[in-house]
C-alpha atoms as a PDB file:
ATOM      1  CA  MET A   1      60.621  33.146  32.749  1.00  0.00           C
ATOM      2  CA  GLY A   2      61.407  35.015  35.965  1.00  0.00           C
ATOM      3  CA  LYS A   3      63.110  34.243  39.076  1.00  0.00           C
ATOM      4  CA  THR A   4      61.726  33.424  41.767  1.00  0.00           C
ATOM      5  CA  ILE A   5      63.984  33.958  45.201  1.00  0.00           C
ATOM      6  CA  SER A   6      63.225  33.313  49.172  1.00  0.00           C
ATOM      7  CA  ILE A   7      64.619  34.919  51.385  1.00  0.00           C
ATOM      8  CA  VAL A   8      65.244  32.153  54.795  1.00  0.00           C
ATOM      9  CA  ASN A   9      66.069  32.074  57.673  1.00  0.00           C
ATOM     10  CA  GLU A  10      65.104  30.328  60.603  1.00  0.00           C
ATOM     11  CA  LYS A  11      66.440  32.487  62.789  1.00  0.00           C
ATOM     12  CA  GLY A  12      65.044  36.017  63.692  1.00  0.00           C
ATOM     13  CA  GLY A  13      66.840  39.280  64.323  1.00  0.00           C
ATOM     14  CA  CYS A  14      68.678  38.132  61.002  1.00  0.00           C
ATOM     15  CA  ALA A  15      67.141  41.151  58.812  1.00  0.00           C
ATOM     16  CA  LYS A  16      65.458  38.864  56.796  1.00  0.00           C
ATOM     17  CA  THR A  17      62.066  41.293  55.888  1.00  0.00           C
ATOM     18  CA  THR A  18      64.640  44.352  55.564  1.00  0.00           C
ATOM     19  CA  THR A  19      66.856  42.376  52.994  1.00  0.00           C
ATOM     20  CA  ALA A  20      63.542  40.803  51.373  1.00  0.00           C
ATOM     21  CA  TYR A  21      61.721  44.317  51.046  1.00  0.00           C
ATOM     22  CA  SER A  22      65.206  46.144  50.335  1.00  0.00           C
ATOM     23  CA  LEU A  23      65.985  43.828  47.068  1.00  0.00           C
ATOM     24  CA  ALA A  24      62.173  43.884  45.999  1.00  0.00           C
ATOM     25  CA  GLN A  25      61.889  47.587  46.010  1.00  0.00           C
ATOM     26  CA  GLY A  26      66.028  48.030  44.850  1.00  0.00           C
ATOM     27  CA  LEU A  27      65.078  45.675  41.519  1.00  0.00           C
ATOM     28  CA  PHE A  28      62.293  47.641  41.099  1.00  0.00           C
ATOM     29  CA  MET A  29      63.795  50.914  41.120  1.00  0.00           C
ATOM     30  CA  VAL A  30      66.517  50.275  38.752  1.00  0.00           C
ATOM     31  CA  GLY A  31      63.908  48.947  35.889  1.00  0.00           C
ATOM     32  CA  TYR A  32      62.739  45.168  36.232  1.00  0.00           C
ATOM     33  CA  LYS A  33      58.796  44.123  37.296  1.00  0.00           C
ATOM     34  CA  VAL A  34      58.935  42.744  40.504  1.00  0.00           C
ATOM     35  CA  LEU A  35      56.270  41.087  43.045  1.00  0.00           C
ATOM     36  CA  GLY A  36      56.280  40.474  46.466  1.00  0.00           C
ATOM     37  CA  VAL A  37      54.942  37.909  48.071  1.00  0.00           C
ATOM     38  CA  ASP A  38      55.155  37.857  51.959  1.00  0.00           C
ATOM     39  CA  MET A  39      54.654  34.367  53.408  1.00  0.00           C
ATOM     40  CA  ASP A  40      54.861  35.528  57.023  1.00  0.00           C
ATOM     41  CA  SER A  41      51.772  36.119  59.446  1.00  0.00           C
ATOM     42  CA  GLN A  42      53.121  38.837  61.193  1.00  0.00           C
ATOM     43  CA  GLY A  43      52.949  41.082  57.911  1.00  0.00           C
ATOM     44  CA  ASN A  44      55.864  43.074  58.207  1.00  0.00           C
ATOM     45  CA  PHE A  45      56.484  42.963  54.706  1.00  0.00           C
ATOM     46  CA  SER A  46      53.086  43.899  54.129  1.00  0.00           C
ATOM     47  CA  THR A  47      52.710  46.685  56.101  1.00  0.00           C
ATOM     48  CA  THR A  48      56.065  48.478  55.249  1.00  0.00           C
ATOM     49  CA  TRP A  49      54.359  48.097  51.549  1.00  0.00           C
ATOM     50  CA  GLY A  50      51.393  49.777  52.877  1.00  0.00           C
ATOM     51  CA  SER A  51      48.856  46.970  51.835  1.00  0.00           C
ATOM     52  CA  ASP A  52      45.201  47.299  51.237  1.00  0.00           C
ATOM     53  CA  PRO A  53      43.803  44.966  54.532  1.00  0.00           C
ATOM     54  CA  ASP A  54      40.339  44.780  52.278  1.00  0.00           C
ATOM     55  CA  CYS A  55      42.136  42.857  49.215  1.00  0.00           C
ATOM     56  CA  ILE A  56      42.521  39.602  49.369  1.00  0.00           C
ATOM     57  CA  GLY A  57      46.227  37.936  50.231  1.00  0.00           C
ATOM     58  CA  ILE A  58      47.666  35.030  49.833  1.00  0.00           C
ATOM     59  CA  TYR A  59      45.795  33.252  52.554  1.00  0.00           C
ATOM     60  CA  ASP A  60      42.884  33.582  50.422  1.00  0.00           C
ATOM     61  CA  VAL A  61      45.046  32.708  46.864  1.00  0.00           C
ATOM     62  CA  LEU A  62      45.950  29.428  48.695  1.00  0.00           C
ATOM     63  CA  ALA A  63      43.686  28.270  51.401  1.00  0.00           C
ATOM     64  CA  LYS A  64      39.968  29.520  49.631  1.00  0.00           C
ATOM     65  CA  ASN A  65      41.450  28.986  46.397  1.00  0.00           C
ATOM     66  CA  GLU A  66      40.768  32.693  45.342  1.00  0.00           C
ATOM     67  CA  PRO A  67      42.715  33.980  41.892  1.00  0.00           C
ATOM     68  CA  VAL A  68      45.724  35.061  42.214  1.00  0.00           C
ATOM     69  CA  ARG A  69      45.672  37.687  39.595  1.00  0.00           C
ATOM     70  CA  ASP A  70      43.030  39.318  41.554  1.00  0.00           C
ATOM     71  CA  ALA A  71      44.985  39.586  45.013  1.00  0.00           C
ATOM     72  CA  ILE A  72      48.610  41.676  43.260  1.00  0.00           C
ATOM     73  CA  GLN A  73      48.125  45.184  44.684  1.00  0.00           C
ATOM     74  CA  VAL A  74      49.524  47.566  42.425  1.00  0.00           C
ATOM     75  CA  LYS A  75      51.260  50.628  43.134  1.00  0.00           C
ATOM     76  CA  PRO A  76      53.319  52.997  41.073  1.00  0.00           C
ATOM     77  CA  ASP A  77      56.364  53.668  42.907  1.00  0.00           C
ATOM     78  CA  ARG A  78      57.069  50.419  44.544  1.00  0.00           C
ATOM     79  CA  PHE A  79      56.615  46.382  43.430  1.00  0.00           C
ATOM     80  CA  ASP A  80      53.512  44.904  43.115  1.00  0.00           C
ATOM     81  CA  LEU A  81      52.589  42.777  46.372  1.00  0.00           C
ATOM     82  CA  ILE A  82      50.998  39.532  47.310  1.00  0.00           C
ATOM     83  CA  SER A  83      49.719  40.468  51.124  1.00  0.00           C
ATOM     84  CA  GLY A  84      50.576  37.984  54.075  1.00  0.00           C
ATOM     85  CA  ASP A  85      49.306  38.721  57.348  1.00  0.00           C
ATOM     86  CA  LYS A  86      48.043  36.677  61.117  1.00  0.00           C
ATOM     87  CA  LEU A  87      45.642  34.200  58.891  1.00  0.00           C
ATOM     88  CA  LEU A  88      48.459  32.800  57.191  1.00  0.00           C
ATOM     89  CA  ARG A  89      48.522  30.676  60.965  1.00  0.00           C
ATOM     90  CA  ASP A  90      45.835  28.427  59.729  1.00  0.00           C
ATOM     91  CA  PHE A  91      47.206  27.711  57.011  1.00  0.00           C
ATOM     92  CA  ALA A  92      50.343  26.525  58.720  1.00  0.00           C
ATOM     93  CA  ALA A  93      49.097  24.315  60.382  1.00  0.00           C
ATOM     94  CA  ARG A  94      48.245  22.178  57.635  1.00  0.00           C
ATOM     95  CA  THR A  95      50.114  18.893  57.853  1.00  0.00           C
ATOM     96  CA  SER A  96      49.760  17.113  54.227  1.00  0.00           C
ATOM     97  CA  TYR A  97      52.241  16.564  51.857  1.00  0.00           C
ATOM     98  CA  ASP A  98      50.614  18.351  48.763  1.00  0.00           C
ATOM     99  CA  THR A  99      50.100  21.421  50.899  1.00  0.00           C
ATOM    100  CA  ASN A 100      53.565  21.964  50.493  1.00  0.00           C
ATOM    101  CA  PHE A 101      53.590  22.718  46.620  1.00  0.00           C
ATOM    102  CA  MET A 102      50.203  24.790  46.641  1.00  0.00           C
ATOM    103  CA  LEU A 103      52.581  27.993  46.313  1.00  0.00           C
ATOM    104  CA  HIS A 104      54.520  26.515  43.847  1.00  0.00           C
ATOM    105  CA  ASP A 105      51.335  26.205  41.625  1.00  0.00           C
ATOM    106  CA  VAL A 106      49.390  29.476  41.881  1.00  0.00           C
ATOM    107  CA  LEU A 107      52.494  31.292  41.592  1.00  0.00           C
ATOM    108  CA  ALA A 108      53.334  29.236  38.551  1.00  0.00           C
ATOM    109  CA  GLU A 109      50.160  31.292  37.191  1.00  0.00           C
ATOM    110  CA  VAL A 110      52.025  34.829  37.115  1.00  0.00           C
ATOM    111  CA  GLU A 111      55.820  34.537  36.670  1.00  0.00           C
ATOM    112  CA  ASP A 112      56.519  34.818  33.496  1.00  0.00           C
ATOM    113  CA  GLU A 113      54.548  38.016  34.006  1.00  0.00           C
ATOM    114  CA  TYR A 114      57.451  39.241  36.332  1.00  0.00           C
ATOM    115  CA  TYR A 115      61.550  39.232  36.237  1.00  0.00           C
ATOM    116  CA  PHE A 116      61.897  38.432  39.896  1.00  0.00           C
ATOM    117  CA  ILE A 117      59.108  37.132  42.589  1.00  0.00           C
ATOM    118  CA  ILE A 118      60.998  38.274  45.959  1.00  0.00           C
ATOM    119  CA  ILE A 119      59.015  36.018  49.170  1.00  0.00           C
ATOM    120  CA  ASP A 120      59.755  36.430  52.370  1.00  0.00           C
ATOM    121  CA  THR A 121      59.429  33.714  54.654  1.00  0.00           C
ATOM    122  CA  PRO A 122      58.575  33.499  58.788  1.00  0.00           C
ATOM    123  CA  PRO A 123      61.457  32.342  61.167  1.00  0.00           C
ATOM    124  CA  THR A 124      60.827  28.760  60.824  1.00  0.00           C
ATOM    125  CA  VAL A 125      61.201  25.555  58.641  1.00  0.00           C
ATOM    126  CA  ALA A 126      57.708  24.679  58.311  1.00  0.00           C
ATOM    127  CA  THR A 127      55.192  24.631  56.356  1.00  0.00           C
ATOM    128  CA  LEU A 128      55.003  28.395  55.030  1.00  0.00           C
ATOM    129  CA  THR A 129      58.852  28.419  54.364  1.00  0.00           C
ATOM    130  CA  THR A 130      58.715  25.026  52.605  1.00  0.00           C
ATOM    131  CA  ASN A 131      55.868  25.739  49.720  1.00  0.00           C
ATOM    132  CA  ALA A 132      58.222  29.040  50.193  1.00  0.00           C
ATOM    133  CA  MET A 133      61.153  27.202  48.821  1.00  0.00           C
ATOM    134  CA  MET A 134      59.853  25.056  46.434  1.00  0.00           C
ATOM    135  CA  ALA A 135      58.315  27.538  44.399  1.00  0.00           C
ATOM    136  CA  SER A 136      61.873  29.106  44.005  1.00  0.00           C
ATOM    137  CA  ASP A 137      64.833  28.497  42.334  1.00  0.00           C
ATOM    138  CA  TYR A 138      66.868  30.612  44.758  1.00  0.00           C
ATOM    139  CA  ILE A 139      67.501  31.225  48.778  1.00  0.00           C
ATOM    140  CA  ILE A 140      69.308  33.493  49.568  1.00  0.00           C
ATOM    141  CA  VAL A 141      69.877  33.442  53.537  1.00  0.00           C
ATOM    142  CA  PRO A 142      70.674  37.122  55.708  1.00  0.00           C
ATOM    143  CA  ALA A 143      72.431  36.106  58.422  1.00  0.00           C
ATOM    144  CA  SER A 144      73.784  37.747  61.447  1.00  0.00           C
ATOM    145  CA  PRO A 145      77.811  37.348  62.302  1.00  0.00           C
ATOM    146  CA  GLU A 146      77.110  35.693  65.516  1.00  0.00           C
ATOM    147  CA  SER A 147      77.348  31.617  66.874  1.00  0.00           C
ATOM    148  CA  TYR A 148      73.824  30.677  66.776  1.00  0.00           C
ATOM    149  CA  SER A 149      73.603  31.741  63.170  1.00  0.00           C
ATOM    150  CA  VAL A 150      76.271  29.078  62.128  1.00  0.00           C
ATOM    151  CA  ASP A 151      74.263  26.391  63.949  1.00  0.00           C
ATOM    152  CA  GLY A 152      71.090  27.659  61.901  1.00  0.00           C
ATOM    153  CA  LEU A 153      73.013  27.295  58.564  1.00  0.00           C
ATOM    154  CA  VAL A 154      73.850  24.048  58.975  1.00  0.00           C
ATOM    155  CA  GLN A 155      70.103  23.072  60.138  1.00  0.00           C
ATOM    156  CA  LEU A 156      68.406  25.235  57.452  1.00  0.00           C
ATOM    157  CA  ASN A 157      71.075  23.357  54.614  1.00  0.00           C
ATOM    158  CA  GLU A 158      69.440  19.833  55.398  1.00  0.00           C
ATOM    159  CA  SER A 159      66.688  21.534  54.687  1.00  0.00           C
ATOM    160  CA  ILE A 160      67.029  22.465  51.251  1.00  0.00           C
ATOM    161  CA  ARG A 161      68.964  19.206  50.520  1.00  0.00           C
ATOM    162  CA  ALA A 162      65.530  17.327  51.139  1.00  0.00           C
ATOM    163  CA  ILE A 163      63.243  20.429  49.163  1.00  0.00           C
ATOM    164  CA  GLN A 164      65.992  19.774  46.291  1.00  0.00           C
ATOM    165  CA  MET A 165      65.272  15.840  46.017  1.00  0.00           C
ATOM    166  CA  HIS A 166      62.470  16.155  46.620  1.00  0.00           C
ATOM    167  CA  GLY A 167      60.998  19.166  45.173  1.00  0.00           C
ATOM    168  CA  VAL A 168      58.884  19.764  41.541  1.00  0.00           C
ATOM    169  CA  ALA A 169      60.622  19.446  38.205  1.00  0.00           C
ATOM    170  CA  ASP A 170      60.511  22.651  37.015  1.00  0.00           C
ATOM    171  CA  LYS A 171      62.861  24.242  40.006  1.00  0.00           C
ATOM    172  CA  HIS A 172      66.076  23.371  40.401  1.00  0.00           C
ATOM    173  CA  LEU A 173      66.573  25.001  44.040  1.00  0.00           C
ATOM    174  CA  LYS A 174      69.919  26.662  45.017  1.00  0.00           C
ATOM    175  CA  ILE A 175      71.044  28.827  47.588  1.00  0.00           C
ATOM    176  CA  LEU A 176      72.817  31.871  45.558  1.00  0.00           C
ATOM    177  CA  GLY A 177      74.471  33.090  48.657  1.00  0.00           C
ATOM    178  CA  ILE A 178      74.686  34.253  52.144  1.00  0.00           C
ATOM    179  CA  LEU A 179      74.678  38.034  52.872  1.00  0.00           C
ATOM    180  CA  LEU A 180      76.133  38.949  55.935  1.00  0.00           C
ATOM    181  CA  THR A 181      73.751  41.282  58.475  1.00  0.00           C
ATOM    182  CA  ARG A 182      74.054  43.469  61.061  1.00  0.00           C
ATOM    183  CA  TYR A 183      77.746  43.777  60.714  1.00  0.00           C
ATOM    184  CA  ARG A 184      79.515  45.701  63.070  1.00  0.00           C
ATOM    185  CA  LYS A 185      82.588  46.724  61.321  1.00  0.00           C
ATOM    186  CA  GLY A 186      85.883  46.738  63.378  1.00  0.00           C
ATOM    187  CA  THR A 187      84.711  44.804  66.156  1.00  0.00           C
ATOM    188  CA  ARG A 188      86.740  41.249  66.317  1.00  0.00           C
ATOM    189  CA  LEU A 189      83.721  39.493  67.184  1.00  0.00           C
ATOM    190  CA  ALA A 190      82.150  40.210  64.125  1.00  0.00           C
ATOM    191  CA  ASN A 191      85.405  39.591  62.080  1.00  0.00           C
ATOM    192  CA  ASP A 192      85.777  35.989  63.413  1.00  0.00           C
ATOM    193  CA  MET A 193      82.708  35.151  62.976  1.00  0.00           C
ATOM    194  CA  ALA A 194      82.224  36.524  59.146  1.00  0.00           C
ATOM    195  CA  GLY A 195      85.291  34.106  58.474  1.00  0.00           C
ATOM    196  CA  ILE A 196      83.824  30.937  60.655  1.00  0.00           C
ATOM    197  CA  ILE A 197      80.577  32.020  58.521  1.00  0.00           C
ATOM    198  CA  LYS A 198      82.085  32.049  55.386  1.00  0.00           C
ATOM    199  CA  ALA A 199      84.147  29.087  55.814  1.00  0.00           C
ATOM    200  CA  VAL A 200      80.523  26.972  56.418  1.00  0.00           C
ATOM    201  CA  ALA A 201      79.380  28.584  53.496  1.00  0.00           C
ATOM    202  CA  ILE A 202      81.925  26.698  51.390  1.00  0.00           C
ATOM    203  CA  GLN A 203      81.593  23.396  53.451  1.00  0.00           C
ATOM    204  CA  ILE A 204      77.912  23.254  52.362  1.00  0.00           C
ATOM    205  CA  GLY A 205      78.564  24.387  48.825  1.00  0.00           C
ATOM    206  CA  THR A 206      77.869  28.313  48.205  1.00  0.00           C
ATOM    207  CA  ARG A 207      79.368  31.749  48.871  1.00  0.00           C
ATOM    208  CA  THR A 208      78.524  34.800  51.086  1.00  0.00           C
ATOM    209  CA  PHE A 209      77.906  37.958  49.432  1.00  0.00           C
ATOM    210  CA  ASP A 210      81.663  40.205  49.070  1.00  0.00           C
ATOM    211  CA  ARG A 211      78.688  43.097  50.396  1.00  0.00           C
ATOM    212  CA  MET A 212      78.132  43.304  54.120  1.00  0.00           C
ATOM    213  CA  ILE A 213      75.081  45.363  55.564  1.00  0.00           C
ATOM    214  CA  ARG A 214      76.465  47.187  57.657  1.00  0.00           C
ATOM    215  CA  GLU A 215      74.774  47.679  61.515  1.00  0.00           C
ATOM    216  CA  ASN A 216      73.135  51.068  60.459  1.00  0.00           C
ATOM    217  CA  MET A 217      70.661  53.383  62.446  1.00  0.00           C
ATOM    218  CA  ALA A 218      69.450  54.655  59.504  1.00  0.00           C
ATOM    219  CA  ILE A 219      68.170  51.236  58.743  1.00  0.00           C
ATOM    220  CA  LYS A 220      66.015  51.061  61.858  1.00  0.00           C
ATOM    221  CA  GLU A 221      64.115  54.504  61.637  1.00  0.00           C
ATOM    222  CA  ALA A 222      63.573  53.627  58.085  1.00  0.00           C
ATOM    223  CA  GLN A 223      62.045  50.552  59.628  1.00  0.00           C
ATOM    224  CA  ALA A 224      59.766  52.478  61.916  1.00  0.00           C
ATOM    225  CA  ALA A 225      58.493  54.647  59.485  1.00  0.00           C
ATOM    226  CA  LYS A 226      57.754  51.783  57.530  1.00  0.00           C
ATOM    227  CA  THR A 227      59.098  52.723  54.290  1.00  0.00           C
ATOM    228  CA  SER A 228      62.347  51.600  52.649  1.00  0.00           C
ATOM    229  CA  ILE A 229      65.682  52.267  52.949  1.00  0.00           C
ATOM    230  CA  PHE A 230      66.615  54.079  49.661  1.00  0.00           C
ATOM    231  CA  GLU A 231      63.143  56.248  50.600  1.00  0.00           C
ATOM    232  CA  TYR A 232      64.361  57.090  53.776  1.00  0.00           C
ATOM    233  CA  ASN A 233      67.707  58.021  53.487  1.00  0.00           C
ATOM    234  CA  ILE A 234      69.274  56.814  49.493  1.00  0.00           C
ATOM    235  CA  ARG A 235      72.732  58.805  51.281  1.00  0.00           C
ATOM    236  CA  SER A 236      73.200  56.517  54.402  1.00  0.00           C
ATOM    237  CA  ASN A 237      75.268  53.436  54.927  1.00  0.00           C
ATOM    238  CA  GLY A 238      72.426  51.275  54.779  1.00  0.00           C
ATOM    239  CA  ALA A 239      71.454  52.088  51.175  1.00  0.00           C
ATOM    240  CA  LEU A 240      74.847  52.272  49.867  1.00  0.00           C
ATOM    241  CA  ASP A 241      75.261  48.341  51.139  1.00  0.00           C
ATOM    242  CA  TYR A 242      71.719  47.797  50.190  1.00  0.00           C
ATOM    243  CA  ARG A 243      72.492  48.660  46.056  1.00  0.00           C
ATOM    244  CA  CYS A 244      75.917  47.241  46.134  1.00  0.00           C
ATOM    245  CA  PHE A 245      74.562  44.065  47.266  1.00  0.00           C
ATOM    246  CA  ILE A 246      71.589  44.453  44.935  1.00  0.00           C
ATOM    247  CA  ASN A 247      74.101  44.856  41.961  1.00  0.00           C
ATOM    248  CA  GLU A 248      76.032  41.806  42.877  1.00  0.00           C
ATOM    249  CA  PHE A 249      72.926  39.970  43.377  1.00  0.00           C
ATOM    250  CA  LEU A 250      72.483  40.438  39.455  1.00  0.00           C
ATOM    251  CA  ASP A 251      76.047  40.081  39.084  1.00  0.00           C
ATOM    252  CA  LEU A 252      75.306  36.314  39.694  1.00  0.00           C
ATOM    253  CA  ILE A 253      71.889  35.852  37.835  1.00  0.00           C
ATOM    254  CA  LYS A 254      73.303  36.936  35.124  1.00  0.00           C
ATOM    255  CA  GLU A 255      76.218  34.820  35.716  1.00  0.00           C
ATOM    256  CA  ASP A 256      74.280  32.141  36.072  1.00  0.00           C
ATOM    257  CA  ASN A 257      71.472  32.229  33.559  1.00  0.00           C
ATOM    258  CA  PRO A 258      73.160  33.870  30.459  1.00  0.00           C
ATOM    259  CA  GLU A 259      69.987  34.549  28.706  1.00  0.00           C
ATOM    260  CA  PHE A 260      68.907  37.086  31.357  1.00  0.00           C
ATOM    261  CA  THR A 261      68.116  39.854  29.704  1.00  0.00           C
ATOM    262  CA  LYS A 262      66.296  43.427  31.256  1.00  0.00           C
ATOM    263  CA  LEU A 263      63.303  43.916  30.967  1.00  0.00           C
ATOM    264  CA  GLU A 264      61.126  47.335  31.208  1.00  0.00           C
ATOM    265  CA  LYS A 265      58.373  48.136  33.587  1.00  0.00           C
END
């Protein structure tokens, strides 16, 4: 069975979508079959992938009961995708309790066909993000080293605990780790806040990844070019940092899942 990972932070500007896309594409590039799911109505994850606007997306699957396999877009040089767009705002307005389990139920139909499902989420813990977390085995929290991030981590942990208590029986949601992003090496503020975030991580029962994603112009240029950092500039610090993060991610997954083996593409 594959593992589903949501990239979550209710604060914007923490490289959440960049991290989701880099993780999905990086895992694909080292040989894993990966499905990306865009649960953010902004659709930046899908735009970077180059999604077909004529193809049905996750909104159609969740709100119109379209078959999930019909929504999967495939390209030979990247991970598979179920796209998201502004229509998700309509789904986000739903408030019934059963709505929170819909993504879990549709992804259950295909999760055995992938080794990883990576979900990008909007910068708020509401219907869309709750759906993503209900469907996930793990959460990765990207956080920039600043004071607002600390408050956000505590609030997010409370939401995660609620899902752990009232989630689905086949998922045991766990925070895999906090990934420090937009890190300005050598600055006092970044160093101090990184230390505080590491302490908060321990307090809430998780860790920070050893690798930090440094502030890097190539990452911003890759975003503007609507491509991954690996395809834009494989020799950049941004590509190096994300490759090291992915290796650390895989080590943690294998540590947590002794049965974990690599599947061929």
